């Protein structure tokens, strides 16, 4: 009898709390974009939070994917966090940045 590897199934992976996403230095001109993408990833890793984000922003998954290079779309993930302090604080902790850095990145993308 041959041994077969199990069939790969869709699986939700999450980053352990003690691991952080390495980000670029704040002096990097692309830092707000990088931070916004990392924050968006954090928002989307929870189905409940992702549904709330999409509902509040009016985005759908296709428009979100298409807009990943758009500063306004990127800023929307940071705006979402800034409008709900518990998520802002948890995202900042997960990304190893301060909540103020997340808000500053939002402001830079909106400028």
Protein backbone atom coordinates (compact mmCIF):
# COMPACT_ATOMS: atom_id res chain seq x y z
CA UNK A 1 0.00 0.00 0.00
CA UNK A 2 1.44 3.35 -0.98
CA UNK A 3 1.53 6.25 1.42
CA UNK A 4 -0.09 9.40 0.14
CA UNK A 5 0.40 12.86 1.50
CA UNK A 6 -2.78 14.41 2.87
CA UNK A 7 -4.68 16.65 0.50
CA UNK A 8 -3.87 20.30 1.04
CA UNK A 9 -6.84 22.19 2.37
CA UNK A 10 -7.47 25.86 2.80
CA UNK A 11 -6.30 26.78 6.25
CA UNK A 12 -6.31 30.04 8.14
CA UNK A 13 -2.88 30.73 9.58
CA UNK A 14 -2.22 33.42 12.08
CA UNK A 15 1.04 34.87 13.27
CA UNK A 16 1.88 33.96 16.89
CA UNK A 17 1.64 36.92 19.25
CA UNK A 18 5.36 36.89 19.97
CA UNK A 19 6.26 37.33 16.29
CA UNK A 20 6.16 40.63 14.51
CA UNK A 21 6.27 41.66 10.90
CA UNK A 22 9.59 43.36 10.16
CA UNK A 23 8.92 46.81 8.80
CA UNK A 24 11.16 49.33 7.09
CA UNK A 25 12.62 52.24 9.02
CA UNK A 26 10.27 55.22 9.46
CA UNK A 27 12.70 57.35 7.43
CA UNK A 28 11.95 55.24 4.31
CA UNK A 29 9.61 57.24 2.02
CA UNK A 30 7.62 54.04 1.36
CA UNK A 31 7.15 53.40 5.10
CA UNK A 32 3.51 54.62 5.23
CA UNK A 33 2.63 52.25 2.36
CA UNK A 34 4.48 49.36 3.98
CA UNK A 35 2.89 50.01 7.34
CA UNK A 36 -0.58 50.32 5.78
CA UNK A 37 -0.17 46.99 3.97
CA UNK A 38 0.96 45.32 7.19
CA UNK A 39 -2.01 46.86 9.04
CA UNK A 40 -4.38 45.73 6.30
CA UNK A 41 -3.02 42.19 6.67
CA UNK A 42 -3.68 42.39 10.38
CA UNK A 43 -7.23 43.64 9.79
CA UNK A 44 -7.97 40.86 7.30
CA UNK A 45 -6.64 38.01 9.42
CA UNK A 46 -9.87 38.05 11.44
CA UNK A 47 -13.02 37.20 9.49
CA UNK A 48 -15.16 39.36 11.80
CA UNK A 49 -12.80 42.34 11.59
CA UNK A 50 -12.45 41.92 7.80
CA UNK A 51 -16.23 41.90 7.34
CA UNK A 52 -16.54 45.03 9.49
CA UNK A 53 -13.76 46.76 7.51
CA UNK A 54 -15.35 45.94 4.15
CA UNK A 55 -18.80 47.01 5.36
CA UNK A 56 -17.56 50.31 6.79
CA UNK A 57 -15.38 51.21 3.81
CA UNK A 58 -17.82 50.04 1.15
CA UNK A 59 -15.03 48.05 -0.49
CA UNK A 60 -15.44 44.55 -1.87
CA UNK A 61 -12.57 42.05 -2.10
CA UNK A 62 -11.99 42.69 -5.82
CA UNK A 63 -11.85 46.47 -5.42
CA UNK A 64 -9.57 46.08 -2.40
CA UNK A 65 -7.16 43.84 -4.33
CA UNK A 66 -7.18 46.21 -7.30
CA UNK A 67 -6.51 49.20 -5.04
CA UNK A 68 -3.53 47.91 -3.07
CA UNK A 69 -1.32 50.53 -4.74
CA UNK A 70 -3.79 53.36 -4.12
CA UNK A 71 -2.84 55.54 -1.12
CA UNK A 72 -6.52 56.22 -0.34
CA UNK A 73 -7.31 52.50 -0.17
CA UNK A 74 -4.21 51.88 1.96
CA UNK A 75 -5.13 54.76 4.26
CA UNK A 76 -8.59 53.26 4.72
CA UNK A 77 -7.13 50.35 6.70
CA UNK A 78 -5.37 52.78 9.02
CA UNK A 79 -8.46 54.99 9.29
CA UNK A 80 -10.45 51.89 10.22
CA UNK A 81 -8.01 51.15 13.03
CA UNK A 82 -7.82 54.78 14.18
CA UNK A 83 -11.61 54.84 14.57
CA UNK A 84 -11.62 51.85 16.95
CA UNK A 85 -9.00 52.28 19.65
CA UNK A 86 -8.94 48.64 20.87
CA UNK A 87 -8.07 47.46 17.35
CA UNK A 88 -5.58 50.31 16.91
CA UNK A 89 -3.73 49.26 20.05
CA UNK A 90 -3.81 45.54 19.22
CA UNK A 91 -2.63 46.16 15.66
CA UNK A 92 0.20 48.38 16.88
CA UNK A 93 1.31 45.69 19.31
CA UNK A 94 1.16 43.00 16.62
CA UNK A 95 3.15 45.14 14.18
CA UNK A 96 5.64 46.32 16.84
CA UNK A 97 4.89 49.99 16.22
CA UNK A 98 3.15 52.65 18.25
CA UNK A 99 -0.47 53.62 17.65
CA UNK A 100 0.86 57.09 16.81
CA UNK A 101 2.95 55.62 13.97
CA UNK A 102 -0.16 54.03 12.49
CA UNK A 103 -2.05 57.34 12.66
CA UNK A 104 0.94 59.23 11.21
CA UNK A 105 1.12 56.75 8.31
CA UNK A 106 -2.61 57.32 7.67
CA UNK A 107 -2.05 61.08 7.64
CA UNK A 108 0.93 60.72 5.27
CA UNK A 109 -1.12 58.62 2.86
CA UNK A 110 -4.00 61.10 2.96
CA UNK A 111 -1.68 64.09 2.26
